[in-house]
């Protein structure tokens, strides 16, 4: 069984770009799993609701933020 200490030890032994390659690969796999979960389980209406909320926030708050710059 893999323990947290073994994983930390593995990452601490990596040097240079290999550490970042490994971290990037793990993040890529996690992103793929999360994306699959979102699109398979929660369906499109949740994605559309999130996009609508982001657009609403951008329309509501972005002009005031840009005026303050």
N, C-alpha and C. Protein backbone atom coordinates (compact mmCIF):
# COMPACT_ATOMS: atom_id res chain seq x y z
N UNK A 1 0.84 -1.19 0.00
CA UNK A 1 0.00 0.00 0.00
C UNK A 1 0.88 1.25 0.00
N UNK A 2 0.50 2.23 -0.77
CA UNK A 2 1.26 3.46 -0.88
C UNK A 2 0.89 4.38 0.27
N UNK A 3 1.91 4.88 0.95
CA UNK A 3 1.67 5.81 2.05
C UNK A 3 2.03 7.22 1.62
N UNK A 4 1.56 8.18 2.39
CA UNK A 4 1.86 9.58 2.09
C UNK A 4 3.36 9.84 2.21
N UNK A 5 4.01 9.19 3.17
CA UNK A 5 5.45 9.38 3.35
C UNK A 5 6.22 8.87 2.13
N UNK A 6 5.77 7.77 1.54
CA UNK A 6 6.44 7.23 0.36
C UNK A 6 6.28 8.17 -0.83
N UNK A 7 5.10 8.76 -0.97
CA UNK A 7 4.87 9.70 -2.07
C UNK A 7 5.73 10.94 -1.89
N UNK A 8 5.78 11.47 -0.68
CA UNK A 8 6.61 12.66 -0.40
C UNK A 8 8.07 12.35 -0.64
N UNK A 9 8.51 11.16 -0.23
CA UNK A 9 9.90 10.76 -0.45
C UNK A 9 10.21 10.65 -1.94
N UNK A 10 9.28 10.11 -2.72
CA UNK A 10 9.47 10.00 -4.17
C UNK A 10 9.63 11.37 -4.80
N UNK A 11 8.75 12.32 -4.45
CA UNK A 11 8.83 13.65 -5.03
C UNK A 11 10.08 14.40 -4.57
N UNK A 12 10.51 14.16 -3.35
CA UNK A 12 11.70 14.88 -2.86
C UNK A 12 12.97 14.38 -3.54
N UNK A 13 12.96 13.17 -4.10
CA UNK A 13 14.14 12.66 -4.78
C UNK A 13 14.25 13.15 -6.22
N UNK A 14 13.15 13.62 -6.79
CA UNK A 14 13.19 14.14 -8.16
C UNK A 14 13.90 15.48 -8.18
N UNK A 15 14.65 15.71 -9.24
CA UNK A 15 15.40 16.96 -9.35
C UNK A 15 15.15 17.59 -10.71
N UNK A 16 15.33 18.88 -10.75
CA UNK A 16 15.24 19.62 -12.00
C UNK A 16 13.86 19.58 -12.62
N UNK A 17 13.83 19.49 -13.95
CA UNK A 17 12.53 19.54 -14.63
C UNK A 17 11.68 18.29 -14.41
N UNK A 18 12.32 17.19 -14.00
CA UNK A 18 11.54 15.96 -13.82
C UNK A 18 10.49 16.12 -12.74
N UNK A 19 10.78 16.90 -11.72
CA UNK A 19 9.79 17.15 -10.67
C UNK A 19 8.57 17.84 -11.27
N UNK A 20 8.81 18.84 -12.11
CA UNK A 20 7.70 19.58 -12.70
C UNK A 20 6.96 18.75 -13.74
N UNK A 21 7.68 17.90 -14.47
CA UNK A 21 7.01 17.01 -15.41
C UNK A 21 6.06 16.07 -14.67
N UNK A 22 6.52 15.52 -13.56
CA UNK A 22 5.70 14.59 -12.79
C UNK A 22 4.50 15.30 -12.18
N UNK A 23 4.73 16.47 -11.61
CA UNK A 23 3.62 17.23 -11.03
C UNK A 23 2.62 17.61 -12.12
N UNK A 24 3.10 18.03 -13.28
CA UNK A 24 2.22 18.38 -14.38
C UNK A 24 1.40 17.19 -14.86
N UNK A 25 2.03 16.01 -14.92
CA UNK A 25 1.32 14.81 -15.33
C UNK A 25 0.21 14.46 -14.34
N UNK A 26 0.53 14.53 -13.06
CA UNK A 26 -0.48 14.24 -12.03
C UNK A 26 -1.63 15.24 -12.11
N UNK A 27 -1.31 16.52 -12.28
CA UNK A 27 -2.36 17.53 -12.40
C UNK A 27 -3.19 17.33 -13.66
N UNK A 28 -2.57 16.88 -14.74
CA UNK A 28 -3.30 16.61 -15.97
C UNK A 28 -4.30 15.47 -15.77
N UNK A 29 -3.89 14.42 -15.08
CA UNK A 29 -4.78 13.30 -14.81
C UNK A 29 -5.93 13.74 -13.91
N UNK A 30 -5.62 14.52 -12.86
CA UNK A 30 -6.68 15.00 -11.98
C UNK A 30 -7.66 15.90 -12.71
N UNK A 31 -7.15 16.76 -13.60
CA UNK A 31 -8.02 17.62 -14.39
C UNK A 31 -8.93 16.80 -15.29
N UNK A 32 -8.38 15.76 -15.90
CA UNK A 32 -9.19 14.89 -16.76
C UNK A 32 -10.29 14.20 -15.95
N UNK A 33 -9.97 13.73 -14.76
CA UNK A 33 -10.97 13.06 -13.93
C UNK A 33 -12.07 14.03 -13.49
N UNK A 34 -11.67 15.22 -13.08
CA UNK A 34 -12.66 16.21 -12.64
C UNK A 34 -13.54 16.63 -13.81
N UNK A 35 -12.94 16.83 -14.97
CA UNK A 35 -13.71 17.21 -16.15
C UNK A 35 -14.69 16.11 -16.53
N UNK A 36 -14.25 14.88 -16.48
CA UNK A 36 -15.16 13.77 -16.80
C UNK A 36 -16.30 13.71 -15.80
N UNK A 37 -16.01 13.92 -14.53
CA UNK A 37 -17.05 13.93 -13.50
C UNK A 37 -18.07 15.03 -13.77
N UNK A 38 -17.58 16.22 -14.11
CA UNK A 38 -18.49 17.35 -14.35
C UNK A 38 -19.39 17.07 -15.54
N UNK A 39 -18.82 16.63 -16.64
CA UNK A 39 -19.61 16.47 -17.85
C UNK A 39 -20.47 15.21 -17.85
N UNK A 40 -20.08 14.18 -17.10
CA UNK A 40 -20.88 12.96 -17.07
C UNK A 40 -21.94 12.99 -15.98
N UNK A 41 -21.61 13.54 -14.83
CA UNK A 41 -22.51 13.45 -13.68
C UNK A 41 -23.41 14.66 -13.57
N UNK A 42 -22.84 15.83 -13.68
CA UNK A 42 -23.61 17.04 -13.42
C UNK A 42 -24.26 17.61 -14.67
N UNK A 43 -23.91 17.09 -15.81
CA UNK A 43 -24.49 17.44 -17.10
C UNK A 43 -24.21 18.89 -17.48
N UNK A 44 -24.78 19.27 -18.59
CA UNK A 44 -24.47 20.58 -19.17
C UNK A 44 -25.11 21.74 -18.43
N UNK A 45 -26.26 21.52 -17.77
CA UNK A 45 -26.94 22.66 -17.16
C UNK A 45 -26.10 23.29 -16.06
N UNK A 46 -25.31 22.50 -15.36
CA UNK A 46 -24.46 23.06 -14.33
C UNK A 46 -23.34 23.89 -14.95
N UNK A 47 -22.77 23.39 -16.03
CA UNK A 47 -21.72 24.14 -16.72
C UNK A 47 -22.27 25.45 -17.25
N UNK A 48 -23.47 25.40 -17.82
CA UNK A 48 -24.09 26.63 -18.32
C UNK A 48 -24.39 27.60 -17.18
N UNK A 49 -24.81 27.09 -16.03
CA UNK A 49 -25.07 27.95 -14.88
C UNK A 49 -23.79 28.62 -14.39
N UNK A 50 -22.70 27.89 -14.38
CA UNK A 50 -21.42 28.47 -13.97
C UNK A 50 -20.97 29.53 -14.96
N UNK A 51 -21.11 29.26 -16.24
CA UNK A 51 -20.74 30.24 -17.26
C UNK A 51 -21.61 31.49 -17.13
N UNK A 52 -22.91 31.31 -16.89
CA UNK A 52 -23.80 32.45 -16.71
C UNK A 52 -23.40 33.26 -15.48
N UNK A 53 -23.03 32.60 -14.40
CA UNK A 53 -22.61 33.31 -13.20
C UNK A 53 -21.32 34.09 -13.45
N UNK A 54 -20.39 33.51 -14.18
CA UNK A 54 -19.14 34.21 -14.49
C UNK A 54 -19.40 35.42 -15.36
N UNK A 55 -20.27 35.26 -16.36
CA UNK A 55 -20.60 36.40 -17.23
C UNK A 55 -21.29 37.49 -16.43
N UNK A 56 -22.23 37.12 -15.55
CA UNK A 56 -22.91 38.11 -14.72
C UNK A 56 -21.92 38.86 -13.84
N UNK A 57 -20.99 38.14 -13.21
CA UNK A 57 -20.00 38.79 -12.35
C UNK A 57 -19.11 39.71 -13.16
N UNK A 58 -18.73 39.29 -14.36
CA UNK A 58 -17.88 40.12 -15.20
C UNK A 58 -18.60 41.40 -15.60
N UNK A 59 -19.88 41.28 -15.98
CA UNK A 59 -20.65 42.46 -16.39
C UNK A 59 -20.89 43.38 -15.20
N UNK A 60 -21.11 42.80 -14.03
CA UNK A 60 -21.44 43.58 -12.85
C UNK A 60 -20.22 44.27 -12.24
N UNK A 61 -19.10 43.57 -12.13
CA UNK A 61 -17.97 44.07 -11.37
C UNK A 61 -16.79 44.55 -12.21
N UNK A 62 -16.63 44.07 -13.43
CA UNK A 62 -15.46 44.42 -14.22
C UNK A 62 -15.39 45.90 -14.59
N UNK A 63 -16.49 46.56 -14.98
CA UNK A 63 -16.38 47.99 -15.31
C UNK A 63 -15.90 48.84 -14.13
N UNK A 64 -16.40 48.56 -12.93
CA UNK A 64 -15.94 49.29 -11.75
C UNK A 64 -14.48 49.03 -11.45
N UNK A 65 -14.07 47.80 -11.65
CA UNK A 65 -12.67 47.46 -11.42
C UNK A 65 -11.77 48.17 -12.42
N UNK A 66 -12.19 48.20 -13.68
CA UNK A 66 -11.37 48.85 -14.71
C UNK A 66 -11.32 50.36 -14.50
N UNK A 67 -12.40 50.97 -13.99
CA UNK A 67 -12.38 52.40 -13.71
C UNK A 67 -11.40 52.72 -12.59
N UNK A 68 -11.21 51.78 -11.67
CA UNK A 68 -10.31 52.00 -10.55
C UNK A 68 -8.85 51.88 -10.91
N UNK A 69 -8.54 51.35 -12.08
CA UNK A 69 -7.13 51.18 -12.47
C UNK A 69 -6.50 52.46 -12.91
